[in-house]
């Protein structure tokens, strides 16, 4: 399977090496009638579920797995090869789909077969079999070889790797470099070869020519070594024959297992959210608030606060204010603040957030235009109600504010008072 963007590779550890799954096509005279592009057809319901699952595991820190699912949902393809009974491909090409679209790019036309049923699928050997409508006279099925390949034997790889955001026919040649490769976490031995394959080649055939000069399948390309030159892995024909004879279907369970896992995660998350505790992180991090500070005697400041609730319970913000000083005038100020917060979860939607901050504001008053310099220290609580995409914030703080006023008879003064705030978080 490959996303319609080049270089998105699924990495798999193998004997200390890093391997990525291949998913792309091939071209050669005649082989275009046997090798196709495979597009998984995911239902809208399953697509919605997988998007929800990816979001949940991303919040758990499993970003690589989440990105892989997201890439799959945005459009992926791989390669397949026609046999007498079905079209063979890799399980990771089909992914979570029960149907697939098969496209044969012939020299003079393109044959498209939508909604082809996946007949068998196994995660253990990364194989899948897809049905193709009968009476396709222009297509040529290939036989599966009954003889194992020998080391140094010449072979051909065919498939449709991605190029310029779409499948591109590719035919490459090489030789068998290891006819019986031990694969970690696999019960079968892979075929290691040197015919170049790329993302999108997954599911494409590894071929030899028999004594009659006809191509036959000796394996199905599935992996490629990362940071190694021309080390490509194919599932052997013997494993393909065993898979098809048994009609293995364990791969169909993968989506059901994810659905069961999601229900367990959602239940655990529901229990967590409906219990009192400290929240690790707030969903809506950017807050936009209107605040009014009252100081004696009758001095107050109306301000707009823009805050960011960061990780490790740190907050940062900017403040733009309009101070009103009786007998002096009104003015403007601007500055910043930083501090800390501790989100206490009361239940799924309600939070009480103790907070403390220090800041600096500089401005002036009109019409006298003195220089003002505030150093507000604030401590208080916010109440936050969490909606699906936004949050409502109501808060109150105690304010201790040292002030420098260049035109006042007493340049340095201390003020204290209360601040009320209301706003939203996004």
Protein backbone atom coordinates (compact mmCIF):
# COMPACT_ATOMS: atom_id res chain seq x y z
CA UNK A 1 0.00 0.00 0.00
CA UNK A 2 1.31 3.43 -0.74
CA UNK A 3 -0.14 6.83 -0.13
CA UNK A 4 -0.53 9.04 -3.22
CA UNK A 5 2.45 10.96 -1.99
CA UNK A 6 5.86 9.45 -2.69
CA UNK A 7 8.21 8.30 0.05
CA UNK A 8 5.57 7.35 2.63
CA UNK A 9 6.95 3.97 3.72
CA UNK A 10 5.83 1.67 6.48
CA UNK A 11 8.91 0.61 8.43
CA UNK A 12 9.33 -2.86 9.82
CA UNK A 13 12.25 -4.09 11.96
CA UNK A 14 14.00 -7.10 10.52
CA UNK A 15 17.17 -8.66 12.00
CA UNK A 16 18.51 -5.30 13.09
CA UNK A 17 17.61 -3.68 9.74
CA UNK A 18 14.74 -1.32 8.99
CA UNK A 19 12.34 -2.45 6.25
CA UNK A 20 9.50 -0.63 4.58
CA UNK A 21 6.47 -2.12 2.90
CA UNK A 22 6.29 -1.68 -0.83
CA UNK A 23 3.24 -0.76 -2.80
CA UNK A 24 3.63 0.32 -6.47
CA UNK A 25 3.36 -1.04 -10.18
CA UNK A 26 5.51 -2.37 -13.16
CA UNK A 27 5.67 -2.42 -17.05
CA UNK A 28 6.80 -4.87 -19.73
CA UNK A 29 5.57 -6.20 -23.05
CA UNK A 30 2.64 -8.49 -22.20
CA UNK A 31 2.92 -8.25 -18.42
CA UNK A 32 0.59 -5.25 -18.37
CA UNK A 33 -2.17 -7.79 -19.13
CA UNK A 34 -1.34 -9.63 -15.89
CA UNK A 35 -0.30 -6.96 -13.35
CA UNK A 36 -2.70 -4.34 -12.02
CA UNK A 37 -3.06 -1.46 -9.59
CA UNK A 38 -5.05 -2.26 -6.44
CA UNK A 39 -7.04 0.49 -4.73
CA UNK A 40 -8.72 -0.50 -1.44
CA UNK A 41 -12.36 0.57 -1.21
CA UNK A 42 -13.09 1.60 2.35
CA UNK A 43 -16.74 2.19 3.33
CA UNK A 44 -17.79 5.60 4.69
CA UNK A 45 -18.66 4.00 8.02
CA UNK A 46 -15.26 2.32 8.34
CA UNK A 47 -13.54 5.51 7.18
CA UNK A 48 -15.27 7.49 9.95
CA UNK A 49 -14.31 4.84 12.49
CA UNK A 50 -10.66 4.75 11.41
CA UNK A 51 -10.41 8.55 11.54
CA UNK A 52 -11.75 8.48 15.11
CA UNK A 53 -9.37 5.68 16.04
CA UNK A 54 -6.38 7.54 14.55
CA UNK A 55 -7.28 10.66 16.54
CA UNK A 56 -7.54 8.71 19.77
CA UNK A 57 -4.23 6.88 19.42
CA UNK A 58 -2.53 10.12 18.36
CA UNK A 59 -3.61 11.59 21.71
CA UNK A 60 -2.02 8.55 23.35
CA UNK A 61 1.29 9.40 21.67
CA UNK A 62 1.14 6.71 18.96
CA UNK A 63 1.73 9.25 16.21
CA UNK A 64 3.42 6.92 13.71
CA UNK A 65 0.52 4.45 13.74
CA UNK A 66 -1.97 7.32 13.56
CA UNK A 67 -0.17 8.81 10.53
CA UNK A 68 -0.20 5.44 8.80
CA UNK A 69 -3.98 5.13 9.20
CA UNK A 70 -4.51 8.74 8.11
CA UNK A 71 -2.39 8.19 4.99
CA UNK A 72 -4.42 5.07 4.20
CA UNK A 73 -7.67 7.06 4.49
CA UNK A 74 -6.36 9.83 2.22
CA UNK A 75 -5.88 7.39 -0.64
CA UNK A 76 -3.50 4.49 -1.11
CA UNK A 77 -2.71 1.90 -3.75
CA UNK A 78 -0.53 -1.11 -4.37
CA UNK A 79 0.07 -3.72 -7.03
CA UNK A 80 -1.50 -7.09 -7.78
CA UNK A 81 -1.07 -10.00 -10.17
CA UNK A 82 -3.72 -12.08 -11.93
CA UNK A 83 -3.67 -15.87 -11.51
CA UNK A 84 -6.09 -18.55 -12.74
CA UNK A 85 -8.25 -18.16 -9.62
CA UNK A 86 -7.88 -14.59 -8.32
CA UNK A 87 -5.78 -11.46 -8.14
CA UNK A 88 -3.04 -11.77 -5.52
CA UNK A 89 -1.67 -8.83 -3.55
CA UNK A 90 -0.38 -7.98 -0.07
CA UNK A 91 -2.63 -7.75 2.97
CA UNK A 92 -1.17 -4.36 3.84
CA UNK A 93 -2.24 -3.09 0.38
CA UNK A 94 -5.88 -4.01 1.01
CA UNK A 95 -5.65 -2.89 4.62
CA UNK A 96 -9.06 -2.70 6.30
CA UNK A 97 -11.15 -2.94 3.10
CA UNK A 98 -13.44 -5.81 2.11
CA UNK A 99 -13.55 -4.66 -1.52
CA UNK A 100 -11.01 -3.20 -3.93
CA UNK A 101 -10.85 -1.53 -7.32
CA UNK A 102 -8.55 -3.23 -9.84
CA UNK A 103 -7.09 -1.24 -12.73
CA UNK A 104 -5.13 -2.81 -15.63
CA UNK A 105 -3.17 -0.21 -17.64
CA UNK A 106 -2.73 -1.88 -21.03
CA UNK A 107 -0.77 -0.26 -23.84
CA UNK A 108 -3.86 0.85 -25.76
CA UNK A 109 -6.57 1.04 -23.06
CA UNK A 110 -7.29 0.92 -19.34
CA UNK A 111 -9.54 -1.75 -17.83
CA UNK A 112 -11.16 -0.85 -14.52
CA UNK A 113 -13.01 -3.28 -12.26
CA UNK A 114 -14.57 -1.58 -9.22
CA UNK A 115 -15.95 -3.23 -6.10
CA UNK A 116 -14.11 -6.55 -6.40
CA UNK A 117 -14.57 -8.70 -3.32
CA UNK A 118 -11.62 -9.64 -1.13
CA UNK A 119 -11.83 -13.44 -0.89
CA UNK A 120 -9.06 -14.17 1.59
CA UNK A 121 -6.62 -12.16 3.65
CA UNK A 122 -3.89 -13.08 6.11
CA UNK A 123 -1.78 -10.75 8.22
CA UNK A 124 0.66 -13.54 9.10
CA UNK A 125 2.05 -13.85 5.59
CA UNK A 126 0.85 -10.44 4.32
CA UNK A 127 -1.25 -11.94 1.52
CA UNK A 128 -4.69 -11.16 0.12
CA UNK A 129 -6.77 -12.62 -2.71
CA UNK A 130 -9.32 -10.57 -4.66
CA UNK A 131 -12.04 -11.82 -7.00
CA UNK A 132 -12.11 -10.63 -10.62
CA UNK A 133 -15.21 -10.80 -12.88
CA UNK A 134 -15.21 -13.71 -15.33
CA UNK A 135 -14.63 -13.55 -19.09
CA UNK A 136 -11.83 -10.99 -19.15
CA UNK A 137 -10.43 -12.05 -22.50
CA UNK A 138 -7.77 -9.34 -22.77
CA UNK A 139 -6.16 -10.32 -19.48
CA UNK A 140 -3.54 -13.04 -19.10
CA UNK A 141 -3.32 -14.99 -15.82
CA UNK A 142 0.12 -16.11 -14.69
CA UNK A 143 0.91 -19.52 -13.23
CA UNK A 144 2.39 -19.91 -9.76
CA UNK A 145 5.71 -21.73 -9.92
CA UNK A 146 5.94 -25.10 -8.20
CA UNK A 147 9.74 -24.98 -8.02
CA UNK A 148 11.64 -22.84 -5.53
CA UNK A 149 14.05 -20.32 -7.04
CA UNK A 150 17.79 -20.86 -6.80
CA UNK A 151 20.33 -18.32 -5.61
CA UNK A 152 21.87 -16.28 -8.46
CA UNK A 153 18.84 -17.07 -10.63
CA UNK A 154 17.71 -14.13 -12.79
CA UNK A 155 14.30 -12.72 -11.89
CA UNK A 156 11.95 -9.86 -12.87
CA UNK A 157 9.85 -7.62 -10.60
CA UNK A 158 6.73 -5.90 -11.93
CA UNK A 159 4.37 -3.40 -10.32
CA UNK A 160 3.08 0.16 -10.14
CA UNK A 161 5.19 2.27 -7.77
CA UNK A 162 4.12 5.86 -7.14
CA UNK A 163 5.52 8.60 -9.37
CA UNK A 164 4.20 12.18 -9.50
CA UNK A 165 1.39 11.25 -7.09
CA UNK A 166 0.04 8.37 -9.20
CA UNK A 167 0.86 4.74 -10.07
CA UNK A 168 3.56 4.30 -12.68
CA UNK A 169 4.32 1.03 -14.50
CA UNK A 170 7.76 -0.35 -13.66
CA UNK A 171 9.62 -3.47 -14.72
CA UNK A 172 13.01 -4.25 -13.17
CA UNK A 173 15.45 -7.13 -13.26
CA UNK A 174 17.84 -8.68 -10.78
CA UNK A 175 18.79 -12.01 -9.26
CA UNK A 176 18.06 -14.10 -6.18
CA UNK A 177 20.55 -13.15 -3.47
CA UNK A 178 19.09 -15.32 -0.68
CA UNK A 179 16.55 -18.02 -1.53
CA UNK A 180 15.69 -18.78 2.10
CA UNK A 181 15.81 -15.64 4.24
CA UNK A 182 14.89 -16.01 7.91
CA UNK A 183 12.42 -13.30 8.86
CA UNK A 184 11.90 -12.24 12.44
CA UNK A 185 8.32 -12.83 13.68
CA UNK A 186 7.45 -14.85 10.55
CA UNK A 187 6.98 -18.60 10.21
CA UNK A 188 7.90 -18.56 6.51
CA UNK A 189 11.24 -17.86 4.83
CA UNK A 190 11.39 -14.93 2.43
CA UNK A 191 13.06 -14.60 -0.96
CA UNK A 192 15.71 -11.87 -0.97
CA UNK A 193 16.45 -10.42 -4.40
CA UNK A 194 18.08 -7.42 -6.10
CA UNK A 195 15.38 -6.33 -8.60
CA UNK A 196 14.56 -2.72 -7.58
CA UNK A 197 11.13 -2.15 -6.07
CA UNK A 198 9.64 1.01 -4.59
CA UNK A 199 6.68 2.12 -2.46
CA UNK A 200 3.65 1.01 -4.43
CA UNK A 201 5.33 -2.18 -5.68
CA UNK A 202 3.82 -4.12 -2.77
CA UNK A 203 1.75 -7.00 -4.05
CA UNK A 204 3.49 -7.03 -7.43
CA UNK A 205 4.88 -10.36 -8.67
CA UNK A 206 8.45 -11.60 -8.60
CA UNK A 207 8.82 -13.58 -11.85
CA UNK A 208 11.03 -16.08 -13.63
CA UNK A 209 10.81 -17.43 -17.16
CA UNK A 210 10.15 -21.16 -17.46
CA UNK A 211 11.50 -23.49 -20.11
CA UNK A 212 8.73 -22.37 -22.48
CA UNK A 213 9.79 -18.75 -22.14
CA UNK A 214 6.66 -17.78 -20.21
CA UNK A 215 6.65 -15.79 -17.00
CA UNK A 216 5.60 -17.57 -13.81
CA UNK A 217 5.24 -16.30 -10.26
CA UNK A 218 7.97 -17.26 -7.76
CA UNK A 219 6.95 -14.72 -5.13
CA UNK A 220 5.04 -11.58 -4.20
CA UNK A 221 7.04 -8.44 -3.34
CA UNK A 222 6.27 -7.19 0.14
CA UNK A 223 9.30 -5.57 1.84
CA UNK A 224 12.41 -3.59 1.04
CA UNK A 225 15.43 -2.98 3.26
CA UNK A 226 15.87 0.57 4.48
CA UNK A 227 19.44 1.92 4.30
CA UNK A 228 20.51 -1.12 2.28
CA UNK A 229 21.10 -1.22 -1.45
CA UNK A 230 18.90 -3.57 -3.51
CA UNK A 231 17.72 -5.76 -0.65
CA UNK A 232 14.11 -6.61 -1.48
CA UNK A 233 11.92 -9.33 0.04
CA UNK A 234 9.15 -11.42 -1.51
CA UNK A 235 6.69 -13.94 -0.06
CA UNK A 236 7.60 -17.29 -1.72
CA UNK A 237 5.26 -19.16 -4.08
CA UNK A 238 5.01 -22.07 -1.63
CA UNK A 239 3.52 -19.74 1.00
CA UNK A 240 1.15 -18.24 -1.59
CA UNK A 241 -0.13 -21.71 -2.53
CA UNK A 242 -0.61 -22.67 1.12
CA UNK A 243 -2.47 -19.42 1.79
CA UNK A 244 -4.83 -19.88 -1.16
CA UNK A 245 -5.46 -23.57 -0.44
CA UNK A 246 -6.46 -22.74 3.14
CA UNK A 247 -8.40 -19.58 2.13
CA UNK A 248 -6.98 -17.86 5.20
CA UNK A 249 -9.19 -15.08 6.59
CA UNK A 250 -7.46 -13.94 9.79
CA UNK A 251 -6.72 -10.59 8.13
CA UNK A 252 -10.44 -9.80 8.12
CA UNK A 253 -10.35 -9.66 11.91
CA UNK A 254 -8.06 -6.64 12.00
CA UNK A 255 -10.81 -4.04 11.64
CA UNK A 256 -13.01 -5.82 14.19
CA UNK A 257 -10.08 -5.91 16.61
CA UNK A 258 -9.56 -2.17 16.16
CA UNK A 259 -13.26 -1.54 16.76
CA UNK A 260 -13.18 -3.58 19.95
CA UNK A 261 -10.02 -1.76 21.02
CA UNK A 262 -11.65 1.61 20.33
CA UNK A 263 -14.67 0.72 22.45
CA UNK A 264 -12.39 -0.26 25.31
CA UNK A 265 -10.42 2.97 24.96
CA UNK A 266 -13.59 5.07 24.80
CA UNK A 267 -14.99 3.36 27.89
CA UNK A 268 -11.75 3.90 29.78
CA UNK A 269 -11.63 7.52 28.60
CA UNK A 270 -15.25 8.05 29.66
CA UNK A 271 -14.50 6.72 33.14
CA UNK A 272 -11.42 8.90 33.39
CA UNK A 273 -13.19 12.05 32.23
CA UNK A 274 -16.06 11.53 34.66
CA UNK A 275 -13.78 11.30 37.68
CA UNK A 276 -12.09 14.12 39.55
CA UNK A 277 -8.41 14.41 38.69
CA UNK A 278 -5.62 16.46 37.19
CA UNK A 279 -5.86 16.79 33.41
CA UNK A 280 -2.55 16.27 31.60
CA UNK A 281 -3.37 18.67 28.82
CA UNK A 282 -6.21 21.00 27.83
CA UNK A 283 -7.90 20.32 24.51
CA UNK A 284 -8.38 24.00 23.58
CA UNK A 285 -5.10 25.80 24.11
CA UNK A 286 -5.69 29.31 22.74
CA UNK A 287 -7.85 31.58 24.92
CA UNK A 288 -9.31 34.98 24.03
CA UNK A 289 -10.63 36.88 27.06
CA UNK A 290 -12.02 40.24 28.04
CA UNK A 291 -10.98 41.26 31.54
CA UNK A 292 -11.65 44.19 33.85
CA UNK A 293 -9.39 45.02 36.81
CA UNK A 294 -10.68 47.16 39.69
CA UNK A 295 -8.31 49.06 41.97
CA UNK A 296 -8.99 51.55 44.75
CA UNK A 297 -9.85 54.35 44.51
CA UNK A 298 -12.10 53.81 41.46
CA UNK A 299 -9.28 53.00 39.03
CA UNK A 300 -9.91 50.20 36.57
CA UNK A 301 -8.46 48.68 33.41
CA UNK A 302 -10.37 47.00 30.60
CA UNK A 303 -8.14 44.61 28.67
CA UNK A 304 -8.04 41.96 25.97
CA UNK A 305 -5.96 38.91 26.89
CA UNK A 306 -4.67 36.35 24.40
CA UNK A 307 -3.23 33.30 26.16
CA UNK A 308 -1.73 29.96 25.23
CA UNK A 309 -1.95 27.04 27.67
CA UNK A 310 1.20 25.08 26.91
CA UNK A 311 2.66 21.80 28.06
CA UNK A 312 4.01 21.21 31.55
CA UNK A 313 1.24 23.47 32.91
CA UNK A 314 2.85 26.67 31.59
CA UNK A 315 0.87 29.58 30.19
CA UNK A 316 1.94 32.51 28.04
CA UNK A 317 -0.01 35.51 26.86
CA UNK A 318 -0.30 39.03 25.55
CA UNK A 319 -2.40 41.79 27.09
CA UNK A 320 -3.77 44.94 25.47
CA UNK A 321 -5.42 47.27 27.99
CA UNK A 322 -7.26 50.57 28.38
CA UNK A 323 -6.57 52.00 31.89
CA UNK A 324 -9.00 54.57 33.30
CA UNK A 325 -7.63 56.75 36.14
CA UNK A 326 -10.13 59.18 37.75
CA UNK A 327 -8.90 62.79 37.58
CA UNK A 328 -6.08 61.88 35.17
CA UNK A 329 -7.58 60.37 32.05
CA UNK A 330 -7.67 57.18 30.03
CA UNK A 331 -4.97 55.49 28.01
CA UNK A 332 -3.62 52.39 26.33
CA UNK A 333 -1.15 49.71 27.44
CA UNK A 334 0.35 46.58 25.97
CA UNK A 335 2.46 43.81 27.39
CA UNK A 336 2.93 40.14 28.10
CA UNK A 337 2.45 37.69 30.91
CA UNK A 338 3.54 34.18 31.79
CA UNK A 339 2.81 31.79 34.60
CA UNK A 340 1.39 28.41 35.45
CA UNK A 341 -1.95 26.64 35.68
CA UNK A 342 -3.26 23.35 37.05
CA UNK A 343 -6.37 21.99 35.27
CA UNK A 344 -8.53 20.11 37.76
CA UNK A 345 -11.14 17.98 36.00
CA UNK A 346 -14.48 17.90 37.82
CA UNK A 347 -16.14 15.73 35.15
CA UNK A 348 -16.06 15.34 31.37
CA UNK A 349 -17.02 18.95 30.59
CA UNK A 350 -16.25 20.97 33.71
CA UNK A 351 -12.83 22.14 34.85
CA UNK A 352 -11.58 24.33 37.71
CA UNK A 353 -8.19 25.81 36.92
CA UNK A 354 -6.06 27.53 39.60
CA UNK A 355 -3.60 29.90 37.94
CA UNK A 356 -0.88 32.40 38.76
CA UNK A 357 0.99 34.78 36.49
CA UNK A 358 3.35 37.75 36.39
CA UNK A 359 3.60 40.29 33.62
CA UNK A 360 4.77 43.59 32.26
CA UNK A 361 2.60 46.29 30.69
CA UNK A 362 3.80 49.59 29.21
CA UNK A 363 1.60 52.43 28.02
CA UNK A 364 0.45 56.00 28.52
CA UNK A 365 -2.50 58.15 29.57
CA UNK A 366 -4.22 60.89 27.61
CA UNK A 367 -4.04 63.86 27.47
CA UNK A 368 -0.96 64.20 29.73
CA UNK A 369 0.87 61.27 28.10
CA UNK A 370 2.98 60.06 31.04
CA UNK A 371 4.87 56.81 30.75
CA UNK A 372 3.10 53.98 32.58
CA UNK A 373 4.76 50.76 33.57
CA UNK A 374 2.77 48.03 35.34
CA UNK A 375 4.11 44.79 36.87
CA UNK A 376 0.90 42.87 37.60
CA UNK A 377 1.04 39.71 39.71
CA UNK A 378 -2.20 37.73 39.50
CA UNK A 379 -3.54 34.63 41.25
CA UNK A 380 -6.99 33.16 40.88
CA UNK A 381 -9.28 30.54 39.37
CA UNK A 382 -10.88 29.91 36.00
CA UNK A 383 -14.00 27.86 35.47
CA UNK A 384 -13.98 26.20 32.05
CA UNK A 385 -16.89 24.42 30.39
CA UNK A 386 -15.75 22.19 27.54
CA UNK A 387 -17.93 22.03 24.42
CA UNK A 388 -17.08 19.74 21.49
CA UNK A 389 -14.72 22.24 19.80
CA UNK A 390 -14.58 25.28 22.08
CA UNK A 391 -14.60 26.14 25.77
CA UNK A 392 -16.34 28.87 27.77
CA UNK A 393 -14.14 30.54 30.42
CA UNK A 394 -15.19 32.51 33.49
CA UNK A 395 -12.53 33.62 35.94
CA UNK A 396 -11.63 35.82 38.88
CA UNK A 397 -8.16 36.82 40.08
CA UNK A 398 -6.57 38.82 42.88
CA UNK A 399 -4.16 41.40 41.44
CA UNK A 400 -1.11 42.96 43.06
CA UNK A 401 0.24 45.66 40.76
CA UNK A 402 3.41 47.74 41.34
CA UNK A 403 3.16 50.81 39.07
CA UNK A 404 5.54 53.43 37.69
CA UNK A 405 3.88 56.70 36.54
CA UNK A 406 6.36 59.25 35.25
CA UNK A 407 4.04 62.27 35.80
CA UNK A 408 2.58 61.39 39.19
CA UNK A 409 3.69 63.08 42.38
CA UNK A 410 4.54 59.63 43.66
CA UNK A 411 6.24 57.90 40.77
CA UNK A 412 6.19 54.39 42.27
CA UNK A 413 2.94 53.13 43.78
CA UNK A 414 1.38 49.83 44.78
CA UNK A 415 -2.13 48.85 43.75
CA UNK A 416 -4.17 45.81 44.52
CA UNK A 417 -7.62 44.72 43.50
CA UNK A 418 -9.73 42.13 41.73
CA UNK A 419 -9.97 41.09 38.09
CA UNK A 420 -12.93 39.39 36.39
CA UNK A 421 -12.56 37.71 32.99
CA UNK A 422 -14.77 36.02 30.44
CA UNK A 423 -13.87 34.49 27.11
CA UNK A 424 -13.55 31.43 24.92
CA UNK A 425 -10.82 28.89 24.21
CA UNK A 426 -10.20 27.38 20.79
